[in-house]
Amino acid sequence: MPGLSFSVPGAMFTYALGIDNRGSVIGRWSSPSQDIFVRSPNGTLSYLALPSGVTVLTEAAISENGRIVVSANDSMYFLDGQTYAAVAVPGAGGAGNAVNVGGINNSGDVVGYYYTNSGTSPSFFRDLKGAFETIDVPGSAYTNVMGLNDLGQAVGFYYDGAQFHGFLWIAGTITPLDYPGAAGTFANGINDAGEIVGYYNDASGNAHGFLASPTSSYGRRGHP
């Protein structure tokens, strides 16, 4: 497929994190502090202002219909025009990178992960009405949710102390995902058809992308 390369002028790195249906891209850049950019479909770059009291943003996500959420400190921040609505994540610690958003869908549901003051790293699902659910694989050292679709299904990865495993989360039910023969599996995105993308490490430590298709049907947050 044809590709397009772009970078924020003067940045040491430019990471594209998400794209909406119009073609607007959200991402991170650093030079040397870290900020969030939005690239319009015509290529114009704009830079998000920081929420009040925030010095560095950790992550950002954009939905297919253009909703934007960013994260910093112990909160996530929903952008509405030029203003932010702050929402604290229960259990998040006091570090500047305590909360990291992973995805937002068209309904405004958000997933991400956070660091506690005790050093653990569980994940969360927050619906548009403000209800939070903790996503934490039992026995894992940490659980990172990385992607969400419009059916409320999320994917991510966890570390069990020896190996990384991908997983699918639906309404509190976690299904491990391991690429056959992989030394580690990382699930990063899921679409409304249930197709999951990510990458895995082979026995030599090399990374390879993967696309996984569902083997059975499942509905919105586990309800057919």
Protein backbone atom coordinates (compact mmCIF):
# COMPACT_ATOMS: atom_id res chain seq x y z
CA MET A 1 0.00 0.00 0.00
CA PRO A 2 1.25 3.53 -0.68
CA GLY A 3 2.59 5.37 2.34
CA LEU A 4 3.22 8.90 3.51
CA SER A 5 5.97 9.93 5.90
CA PHE A 6 5.65 13.03 8.07
CA SER A 7 7.41 14.48 11.11
CA VAL A 8 6.87 17.42 13.41
CA PRO A 9 9.53 20.00 12.42
CA GLY A 10 12.43 19.94 14.87
CA ALA A 11 11.14 16.93 16.77
CA MET A 12 13.45 14.18 17.96
CA PHE A 13 10.62 11.69 17.37
CA THR A 14 7.11 11.74 15.92
CA TYR A 15 4.61 9.01 16.87
CA ALA A 16 1.22 8.73 15.16
CA LEU A 17 -1.24 7.23 17.67
CA GLY A 18 -4.64 7.25 15.94
CA ILE A 19 -6.71 8.47 13.01
CA ASP A 20 -10.37 9.42 12.62
CA ASN A 21 -12.69 8.85 9.67
CA ARG A 22 -11.84 12.27 8.18
CA GLY A 23 -8.14 11.47 8.15
CA SER A 24 -7.10 13.61 11.11
CA VAL A 25 -4.13 12.02 12.89
CA ILE A 26 -3.27 12.42 16.56
CA GLY A 27 0.18 11.70 17.92
CA ARG A 28 3.11 12.55 20.19
CA TRP A 29 6.29 14.42 19.47
CA SER A 30 9.31 15.40 21.54
CA SER A 31 11.90 18.17 21.31
CA PRO A 32 12.88 17.60 24.11
CA SER A 33 9.61 17.86 26.08
CA GLN A 34 6.65 15.79 24.93
CA ASP A 35 3.51 17.27 23.42
CA ILE A 36 0.49 16.18 21.39
CA PHE A 37 -0.15 17.13 17.77
CA VAL A 38 -3.10 16.81 15.41
CA ARG A 39 -2.42 16.55 11.68
CA SER A 40 -5.38 17.59 9.54
CA PRO A 41 -6.32 15.71 6.35
CA ASN A 42 -4.58 18.43 4.30
CA GLY A 43 -1.35 18.02 6.25
CA THR A 44 -1.61 21.04 8.56
CA LEU A 45 -0.10 20.42 11.99
CA SER A 46 -1.59 21.92 15.14
CA TYR A 47 -0.53 21.43 18.72
CA LEU A 48 -2.84 20.83 21.66
CA ALA A 49 -2.66 23.27 24.53
CA LEU A 50 -1.98 21.75 27.92
CA PRO A 51 -4.80 21.40 30.43
CA SER A 52 -4.53 23.67 33.45
CA GLY A 53 -1.89 22.44 35.89
CA VAL A 54 -0.39 19.94 33.42
CA THR A 55 3.22 20.23 32.22
CA VAL A 56 3.53 17.08 30.07
CA LEU A 57 0.90 14.88 28.40
CA THR A 58 1.53 11.13 28.44
CA GLU A 59 -0.78 9.71 25.74
CA ALA A 60 -3.65 10.68 23.45
CA ALA A 61 -6.40 8.94 21.49
CA ILE A 62 -8.93 9.90 18.83
CA SER A 63 -12.16 8.10 17.90
CA GLU A 64 -13.41 7.50 14.38
CA ASN A 65 -15.84 10.41 14.77
CA GLY A 66 -13.15 12.78 16.06
CA ARG A 67 -13.48 12.64 19.85
CA ILE A 68 -10.12 13.40 21.52
CA VAL A 69 -8.90 12.39 24.97
CA VAL A 70 -5.43 12.94 26.44
CA SER A 71 -3.85 11.89 29.73
CA ALA A 72 -1.46 13.25 32.34
CA ASN A 73 -0.81 12.89 36.06
CA ASP A 74 -3.73 10.98 37.63
CA SER A 75 -6.39 12.03 35.10
CA MET A 76 -7.63 11.93 31.55
CA TYR A 77 -8.83 15.07 29.78
CA PHE A 78 -11.62 15.20 27.22
CA LEU A 79 -11.15 17.97 24.66
CA ASP A 80 -14.27 19.99 23.80
CA GLY A 81 -13.40 22.75 21.40
CA GLN A 82 -10.63 24.66 23.18
CA THR A 83 -11.38 23.47 26.71
CA TYR A 84 -10.77 20.27 28.65
CA ALA A 85 -12.97 18.30 31.03
CA ALA A 86 -10.79 16.51 33.57
CA VAL A 87 -11.71 13.06 34.90
CA ALA A 88 -9.56 11.49 37.63
CA VAL A 89 -8.92 7.76 37.32
CA PRO A 90 -9.66 5.95 40.60
CA GLY A 91 -6.58 4.28 42.05
CA ALA A 92 -4.05 6.18 39.93
CA GLY A 93 -0.92 7.33 41.74
CA GLY A 94 0.73 10.71 41.95
CA ALA A 95 3.33 10.33 39.18
CA GLY A 96 3.24 12.63 36.19
CA ASN A 97 2.69 9.60 33.92
CA ALA A 98 0.27 7.78 36.22
CA VAL A 99 -2.59 7.63 33.68
CA ASN A 100 -2.14 6.57 30.04
CA VAL A 101 -5.17 6.48 27.73
CA GLY A 102 -5.18 3.71 25.15
CA GLY A 103 -8.30 4.27 23.07
CA ILE A 104 -11.66 6.03 22.75
CA ASN A 105 -14.63 4.89 20.68
CA ASN A 106 -17.45 6.78 18.99
CA SER A 107 -19.64 6.56 22.10
CA GLY A 108 -16.96 8.20 24.25
CA ASP A 109 -15.97 5.07 26.16
CA VAL A 110 -12.26 5.11 27.06
CA VAL A 111 -9.69 2.47 27.95
CA GLY A 112 -6.19 2.83 29.30
CA TYR A 113 -3.84 1.82 32.06
CA TYR A 114 -2.42 3.50 35.14
CA TYR A 115 0.32 3.21 37.72
CA THR A 116 -0.60 3.03 41.39
CA ASN A 117 1.46 4.42 44.24
CA SER A 118 2.36 0.83 45.16
CA GLY A 119 3.89 0.20 41.73
CA THR A 120 1.21 -2.01 40.17
CA SER A 121 -0.24 -1.22 36.75
CA PRO A 122 -3.86 -2.27 36.16
CA SER A 123 -6.07 -0.99 33.33
CA PHE A 124 -9.51 0.57 33.19
CA PHE A 125 -12.65 0.88 31.09
CA ARG A 126 -14.72 4.04 31.56
CA ASP A 127 -18.08 4.45 29.83
CA LEU A 128 -19.58 7.73 28.70
CA LYS A 129 -21.78 7.88 31.81
CA GLY A 130 -18.68 7.91 34.01
CA ALA A 131 -18.70 4.35 35.34
CA PHE A 132 -15.25 2.74 35.74
CA GLU A 133 -14.32 -0.93 35.57
CA THR A 134 -10.88 -2.26 36.48
CA ILE A 135 -9.20 -4.57 33.96
CA ASP A 136 -6.49 -6.60 35.67
CA VAL A 137 -5.40 -10.08 34.61
CA PRO A 138 -5.16 -12.15 37.82
CA GLY A 139 -1.58 -12.94 38.74
CA SER A 140 -0.07 -10.54 36.21
CA ALA A 141 2.70 -8.08 37.05
CA TYR A 142 0.88 -5.48 35.01
CA THR A 143 -2.00 -5.24 32.52
CA ASN A 144 -2.01 -2.68 29.69
CA VAL A 145 -5.16 -2.10 27.61
CA MET A 146 -4.23 -0.63 24.23
CA GLY A 147 -7.31 -0.63 21.98
CA LEU A 148 -11.11 -0.42 21.99
CA ASN A 149 -13.87 -0.81 19.41
CA ASP A 150 -17.40 0.58 19.19
CA LEU A 151 -18.84 -2.59 20.74
CA GLY A 152 -16.96 -1.97 23.98
CA GLN A 153 -14.48 -4.80 23.37
CA ALA A 154 -10.88 -4.08 24.36
CA VAL A 155 -7.48 -5.64 23.74
CA GLY A 156 -4.06 -5.29 25.30
CA PHE A 157 -1.26 -7.28 26.83
CA TYR A 158 -0.08 -8.42 30.25
CA TYR A 159 3.11 -9.74 31.81
CA ASP A 160 2.92 -12.83 33.99
CA GLY A 161 6.45 -12.51 35.35
CA ALA A 162 7.98 -14.63 32.61
CA GLN A 163 6.31 -13.76 29.30
CA PHE A 164 4.03 -11.19 27.62
CA HIS A 165 0.59 -12.33 26.51
CA GLY A 166 -2.08 -10.55 24.51
CA PHE A 167 -5.71 -10.60 25.66
CA LEU A 168 -9.26 -9.78 24.65
CA TRP A 169 -11.56 -8.20 27.26
CA ILE A 170 -15.35 -8.26 26.99
CA ALA A 171 -17.53 -7.18 29.93
CA GLY A 172 -15.10 -8.42 32.55
CA THR A 173 -14.17 -11.64 30.77
CA ILE A 174 -10.53 -11.93 29.70
CA THR A 175 -9.40 -14.32 26.98
CA PRO A 176 -5.59 -14.73 26.57
CA LEU A 177 -4.22 -14.35 23.04
CA ASP A 178 -0.89 -15.96 22.17
CA TYR A 179 0.47 -16.13 18.65
CA PRO A 180 1.51 -19.77 18.02
CA GLY A 181 5.11 -20.34 19.05
CA ALA A 182 5.68 -16.71 20.06
CA ALA A 183 7.97 -15.69 22.89
CA GLY A 184 5.65 -12.75 23.60
CA THR A 185 2.37 -11.42 22.16
CA PHE A 186 1.09 -7.82 22.21
CA ALA A 187 -2.46 -6.94 21.07
CA ASN A 188 -2.85 -3.25 20.20
CA GLY A 189 -6.09 -2.73 18.25
CA ILE A 190 -9.51 -4.24 17.52
CA ASN A 191 -12.16 -3.24 14.99
CA ASP A 192 -15.92 -3.71 15.09
CA ALA A 193 -15.61 -7.00 13.17
CA GLY A 194 -13.53 -8.39 16.04
CA GLU A 195 -10.30 -8.45 14.05
CA ILE A 196 -7.28 -7.88 16.28
CA VAL A 197 -3.88 -6.48 15.32
CA GLY A 198 -0.62 -6.35 17.20
CA TYR A 199 2.83 -7.86 17.12
CA TYR A 200 4.71 -10.81 18.55
CA ASN A 201 8.32 -11.63 19.31
CA ASP A 202 9.85 -14.79 17.92
CA ALA A 203 12.41 -16.95 19.74
CA SER A 204 15.22 -14.69 18.48
CA GLY A 205 13.53 -11.56 19.80
CA ASN A 206 12.47 -10.27 16.38
CA ALA A 207 9.09 -8.52 16.18
CA HIS A 208 6.44 -9.40 13.61
CA GLY A 209 2.97 -7.92 13.08
CA PHE A 210 -0.14 -10.09 13.18
CA LEU A 211 -3.81 -9.94 12.25
CA ALA A 212 -6.17 -12.28 14.09
CA SER A 213 -9.77 -12.96 13.05
CA PRO A 214 -12.44 -14.10 15.54
CA THR A 215 -13.25 -17.81 15.53
CA SER A 216 -16.73 -17.27 17.05
CA SER A 217 -19.27 -14.47 17.15
CA TYR A 218 -19.67 -12.25 20.17
CA GLY A 219 -21.69 -9.10 20.68
CA ARG A 220 -21.52 -5.80 22.47
CA ARG A 221 -19.53 -6.24 25.67
CA GLY A 222 -20.20 -9.97 25.61
CA HIS A 223 -23.94 -9.88 25.00
CA PRO A 224 -25.08 -11.47 21.68
